[in-house]
Amino acid sequence: MIEKLGAEGFMVELCDGFRSLMDRDKGLITFESLKRNSVSLGLDDIGDDEIVCMLNEGDLDGDGALNLMEFCILMVRLSPGLMDKSEQWMHVHCE
């Protein structure tokens, strides 16, 4: 995907994905916002326990929600092939 979009385009896509799932008032992906948006992800029949597991997978600070950085880390970690080049493009765009 990075090869297609370029590193900057990929970061824009990640940020757009985060914004589409986040709670607008809190600026985080919360249980409620993920449940509300699960249909748009094709997860019509996802259970509450699965939503909690999804959040826990990426929740690094233990607040029960995902901030932008946690979301980006999770997406890169779960995307095959991205880890190979992730350090290189993260340095370019995070410095």
N, C-alpha and C. Protein backbone atom coordinates (compact mmCIF):
# COMPACT_ATOMS: atom_id res chain seq x y z
N MET A 1 0.81 -1.19 0.00
CA MET A 1 0.00 0.00 0.00
C MET A 1 0.86 1.26 0.00
N ILE A 2 1.98 1.24 0.72
CA ILE A 2 2.87 2.40 0.74
C ILE A 2 3.44 2.65 -0.65
N GLU A 3 3.76 1.57 -1.36
CA GLU A 3 4.31 1.73 -2.69
C GLU A 3 3.31 2.42 -3.61
N LYS A 4 2.04 2.14 -3.45
CA LYS A 4 0.98 2.72 -4.27
C LYS A 4 0.73 4.18 -3.89
N LEU A 5 0.61 4.47 -2.60
CA LEU A 5 0.25 5.81 -2.13
C LEU A 5 1.44 6.69 -1.83
N GLY A 6 2.59 6.09 -1.60
CA GLY A 6 3.72 6.83 -1.08
C GLY A 6 3.56 6.96 0.42
N ALA A 7 4.64 7.25 1.11
CA ALA A 7 4.59 7.32 2.58
C ALA A 7 3.64 8.41 3.05
N GLU A 8 3.68 9.57 2.40
CA GLU A 8 2.80 10.67 2.83
C GLU A 8 1.33 10.33 2.58
N GLY A 9 1.03 9.75 1.43
CA GLY A 9 -0.34 9.34 1.12
C GLY A 9 -0.84 8.28 2.08
N PHE A 10 0.04 7.38 2.46
CA PHE A 10 -0.33 6.33 3.40
C PHE A 10 -0.67 6.94 4.76
N MET A 11 0.13 7.90 5.22
CA MET A 11 -0.15 8.55 6.50
C MET A 11 -1.49 9.30 6.45
N VAL A 12 -1.79 9.92 5.30
CA VAL A 12 -3.08 10.59 5.13
C VAL A 12 -4.21 9.58 5.24
N GLU A 13 -4.05 8.42 4.61
CA GLU A 13 -5.08 7.37 4.68
C GLU A 13 -5.28 6.89 6.12
N LEU A 14 -4.19 6.70 6.85
CA LEU A 14 -4.31 6.29 8.25
C LEU A 14 -5.06 7.35 9.06
N CYS A 15 -4.72 8.60 8.86
CA CYS A 15 -5.39 9.68 9.60
C CYS A 15 -6.87 9.76 9.23
N ASP A 16 -7.17 9.59 7.96
CA ASP A 16 -8.57 9.58 7.52
C ASP A 16 -9.34 8.43 8.14
N GLY A 17 -8.71 7.27 8.20
CA GLY A 17 -9.34 6.10 8.83
C GLY A 17 -9.62 6.34 10.30
N PHE A 18 -8.65 6.94 10.97
CA PHE A 18 -8.83 7.26 12.39
C PHE A 18 -10.00 8.21 12.57
N ARG A 19 -10.03 9.28 11.80
CA ARG A 19 -11.10 10.28 11.92
C ARG A 19 -12.47 9.68 11.64
N SER A 20 -12.54 8.73 10.73
CA SER A 20 -13.84 8.13 10.41
C SER A 20 -14.36 7.23 11.54
N LEU A 21 -13.48 6.76 12.41
CA LEU A 21 -13.88 5.86 13.50
C LEU A 21 -13.94 6.54 14.87
N MET A 22 -13.36 7.71 14.98
CA MET A 22 -13.23 8.33 16.31
C MET A 22 -14.53 8.98 16.79
N ASP A 23 -14.59 9.13 18.09
CA ASP A 23 -15.63 9.92 18.73
C ASP A 23 -15.23 11.38 18.55
N ARG A 24 -16.05 12.14 17.89
CA ARG A 24 -15.71 13.53 17.54
C ARG A 24 -15.48 14.41 18.78
N ASP A 25 -16.21 14.15 19.83
CA ASP A 25 -16.06 14.97 21.05
C ASP A 25 -14.78 14.65 21.81
N LYS A 26 -14.39 13.38 21.82
CA LYS A 26 -13.23 12.95 22.60
C LYS A 26 -11.94 12.91 21.79
N GLY A 27 -12.05 12.84 20.46
CA GLY A 27 -10.86 12.75 19.62
C GLY A 27 -10.16 11.41 19.74
N LEU A 28 -10.89 10.38 20.16
CA LEU A 28 -10.37 9.02 20.36
C LEU A 28 -11.31 8.02 19.72
N ILE A 29 -10.79 6.85 19.40
CA ILE A 29 -11.67 5.74 19.02
C ILE A 29 -12.06 5.06 20.32
N THR A 30 -13.32 5.16 20.65
CA THR A 30 -13.85 4.60 21.88
C THR A 30 -14.68 3.35 21.57
N PHE A 31 -15.06 2.66 22.62
CA PHE A 31 -15.94 1.50 22.44
C PHE A 31 -17.19 1.91 21.67
N GLU A 32 -17.80 3.01 22.09
CA GLU A 32 -19.05 3.45 21.48
C GLU A 32 -18.85 3.85 20.02
N SER A 33 -17.78 4.57 19.72
CA SER A 33 -17.57 5.00 18.34
C SER A 33 -17.23 3.82 17.43
N LEU A 34 -16.48 2.85 17.94
CA LEU A 34 -16.15 1.68 17.15
C LEU A 34 -17.39 0.83 16.92
N LYS A 35 -18.22 0.69 17.94
CA LYS A 35 -19.46 -0.07 17.79
C LYS A 35 -20.38 0.61 16.77
N ARG A 36 -20.49 1.92 16.87
CA ARG A 36 -21.35 2.69 15.96
C ARG A 36 -20.87 2.58 14.51
N ASN A 37 -19.57 2.52 14.31
CA ASN A 37 -19.00 2.49 12.97
C ASN A 37 -18.67 1.10 12.46
N SER A 38 -18.99 0.07 13.24
CA SER A 38 -18.63 -1.30 12.85
C SER A 38 -19.30 -1.73 11.55
N VAL A 39 -20.48 -1.22 11.25
CA VAL A 39 -21.17 -1.57 10.01
C VAL A 39 -20.36 -1.09 8.81
N SER A 40 -19.79 0.11 8.90
CA SER A 40 -18.99 0.63 7.79
C SER A 40 -17.72 -0.19 7.57
N LEU A 41 -17.31 -0.94 8.59
CA LEU A 41 -16.14 -1.82 8.47
C LEU A 41 -16.51 -3.21 7.98
N GLY A 42 -17.81 -3.44 7.76
CA GLY A 42 -18.28 -4.76 7.35
C GLY A 42 -18.41 -5.72 8.52
N LEU A 43 -18.52 -5.19 9.73
CA LEU A 43 -18.60 -6.01 10.94
C LEU A 43 -19.99 -5.88 11.56
N ASP A 44 -21.01 -6.16 10.78
CA ASP A 44 -22.40 -5.96 11.19
C ASP A 44 -22.77 -6.69 12.48
N ASP A 45 -22.25 -7.88 12.66
CA ASP A 45 -22.66 -8.71 13.80
C ASP A 45 -21.57 -8.89 14.84
N ILE A 46 -20.68 -7.92 14.96
CA ILE A 46 -19.59 -8.02 15.93
C ILE A 46 -20.15 -7.86 17.35
N GLY A 47 -19.65 -8.67 18.25
CA GLY A 47 -20.09 -8.62 19.64
C GLY A 47 -19.30 -7.60 20.45
N ASP A 48 -19.87 -7.19 21.55
CA ASP A 48 -19.21 -6.22 22.42
C ASP A 48 -17.85 -6.70 22.89
N ASP A 49 -17.75 -8.00 23.20
CA ASP A 49 -16.47 -8.53 23.67
C ASP A 49 -15.40 -8.45 22.59
N GLU A 50 -15.79 -8.60 21.33
CA GLU A 50 -14.83 -8.49 20.23
C GLU A 50 -14.37 -7.04 20.04
N ILE A 51 -15.27 -6.10 20.26
CA ILE A 51 -14.90 -4.69 20.18
C ILE A 51 -13.90 -4.36 21.28
N VAL A 52 -14.14 -4.84 22.46
CA VAL A 52 -13.22 -4.62 23.58
C VAL A 52 -11.86 -5.21 23.25
N CYS A 53 -11.83 -6.41 22.69
CA CYS A 53 -10.56 -7.05 22.31
C CYS A 53 -9.82 -6.23 21.26
N MET A 54 -10.56 -5.68 20.28
CA MET A 54 -9.95 -4.85 19.24
C MET A 54 -9.30 -3.61 19.87
N LEU A 55 -10.00 -2.98 20.78
CA LEU A 55 -9.45 -1.79 21.44
C LEU A 55 -8.24 -2.16 22.30
N ASN A 56 -8.35 -3.24 23.05
CA ASN A 56 -7.26 -3.67 23.91
C ASN A 56 -5.99 -3.99 23.13
N GLU A 57 -6.16 -4.49 21.92
CA GLU A 57 -5.02 -4.85 21.07
C GLU A 57 -4.11 -3.65 20.81
N GLY A 58 -4.70 -2.47 20.68
CA GLY A 58 -3.89 -1.31 20.36
C GLY A 58 -3.75 -0.29 21.48
N ASP A 59 -4.44 -0.49 22.58
CA ASP A 59 -4.47 0.49 23.68
C ASP A 59 -3.19 0.40 24.50
N LEU A 60 -2.25 1.28 24.21
CA LEU A 60 -0.95 1.23 24.88
C LEU A 60 -0.93 1.96 26.22
N ASP A 61 -1.80 2.94 26.39
CA ASP A 61 -1.78 3.71 27.64
C ASP A 61 -2.84 3.27 28.65
N GLY A 62 -3.63 2.24 28.29
CA GLY A 62 -4.58 1.66 29.23
C GLY A 62 -5.83 2.47 29.51
N ASP A 63 -6.15 3.43 28.62
CA ASP A 63 -7.33 4.25 28.87
C ASP A 63 -8.61 3.68 28.25
N GLY A 64 -8.50 2.54 27.59
CA GLY A 64 -9.68 1.90 27.02
C GLY A 64 -10.09 2.44 25.67
N ALA A 65 -9.28 3.33 25.09
CA ALA A 65 -9.58 3.93 23.79
C ALA A 65 -8.28 4.03 22.99
N LEU A 66 -8.40 4.35 21.70
CA LEU A 66 -7.22 4.50 20.86
C LEU A 66 -7.06 5.95 20.44
N ASN A 67 -5.87 6.50 20.70
CA ASN A 67 -5.56 7.82 20.15
C ASN A 67 -4.94 7.60 18.76
N LEU A 68 -4.63 8.68 18.08
CA LEU A 68 -4.12 8.57 16.71
C LEU A 68 -2.85 7.74 16.64
N MET A 69 -1.92 7.97 17.54
CA MET A 69 -0.65 7.22 17.50
C MET A 69 -0.89 5.73 17.74
N GLU A 70 -1.72 5.39 18.71
CA GLU A 70 -2.01 3.97 18.98
C GLU A 70 -2.67 3.32 17.77
N PHE A 71 -3.58 4.05 17.12
CA PHE A 71 -4.25 3.52 15.93
C PHE A 71 -3.24 3.27 14.81
N CYS A 72 -2.36 4.24 14.57
CA CYS A 72 -1.36 4.08 13.50
C CYS A 72 -0.41 2.92 13.79
N ILE A 73 0.03 2.81 15.02
CA ILE A 73 0.91 1.70 15.39
C ILE A 73 0.20 0.37 15.17
N LEU A 74 -1.05 0.28 15.59
CA LEU A 74 -1.82 -0.95 15.42
C LEU A 74 -1.99 -1.29 13.95
N MET A 75 -2.33 -0.31 13.12
CA MET A 75 -2.55 -0.57 11.70
C MET A 75 -1.27 -1.03 11.01
N VAL A 76 -0.14 -0.41 11.36
CA VAL A 76 1.13 -0.83 10.77
C VAL A 76 1.47 -2.23 11.24
N ARG A 77 1.27 -2.50 12.53
CA ARG A 77 1.58 -3.82 13.09
C ARG A 77 0.74 -4.92 12.46
N LEU A 78 -0.51 -4.63 12.14
CA LEU A 78 -1.42 -5.63 11.59
C LEU A 78 -1.38 -5.73 10.08
N SER A 79 -0.58 -4.90 9.41
CA SER A 79 -0.52 -4.90 7.95
C SER A 79 0.71 -5.65 7.48
N PRO A 80 0.50 -6.79 6.83
CA PRO A 80 1.64 -7.59 6.34
C PRO A 80 2.52 -6.78 5.39
N GLY A 81 3.80 -6.90 5.58
CA GLY A 81 4.75 -6.24 4.70
C GLY A 81 5.11 -4.82 5.09
N LEU A 82 4.31 -4.18 5.89
CA LEU A 82 4.60 -2.79 6.26
C LEU A 82 5.73 -2.69 7.27
N MET A 83 5.86 -3.67 8.12
CA MET A 83 6.89 -3.60 9.15
C MET A 83 8.28 -3.53 8.55
N ASP A 84 8.47 -4.12 7.37
CA ASP A 84 9.78 -4.11 6.74
C ASP A 84 10.29 -2.70 6.48
N LYS A 85 9.39 -1.79 6.06
CA LYS A 85 9.80 -0.44 5.71
C LYS A 85 9.31 0.61 6.69
N SER A 86 8.63 0.20 7.74
CA SER A 86 7.99 1.16 8.63
C SER A 86 8.98 2.09 9.31
N GLU A 87 10.11 1.58 9.74
CA GLU A 87 11.07 2.43 10.44
C GLU A 87 11.56 3.53 9.52
N GLN A 88 11.82 3.19 8.27
CA GLN A 88 12.32 4.15 7.31
C GLN A 88 11.32 5.29 7.08
N TRP A 89 10.05 4.98 6.78
CA TRP A 89 9.11 6.06 6.49
C TRP A 89 8.61 6.77 7.73
N MET A 90 8.63 6.12 8.90
CA MET A 90 8.25 6.81 10.12
C MET A 90 9.27 7.89 10.47
N HIS A 91 10.57 7.60 10.24
CA HIS A 91 11.59 8.61 10.50
C HIS A 91 11.41 9.81 9.59
N VAL A 92 11.07 9.57 8.35
CA VAL A 92 10.89 10.64 7.39
C VAL A 92 9.73 11.54 7.79
N HIS A 93 8.64 10.97 8.29
CA HIS A 93 7.43 11.75 8.54
C HIS A 93 7.20 12.14 9.99
N CYS A 94 8.02 11.66 10.89
CA CYS A 94 7.82 11.99 12.30
C CYS A 94 8.94 12.86 12.87
N GLU A 95 9.88 13.23 12.07
CA GLU A 95 10.98 14.07 12.57
C GLU A 95 10.65 15.53 12.39
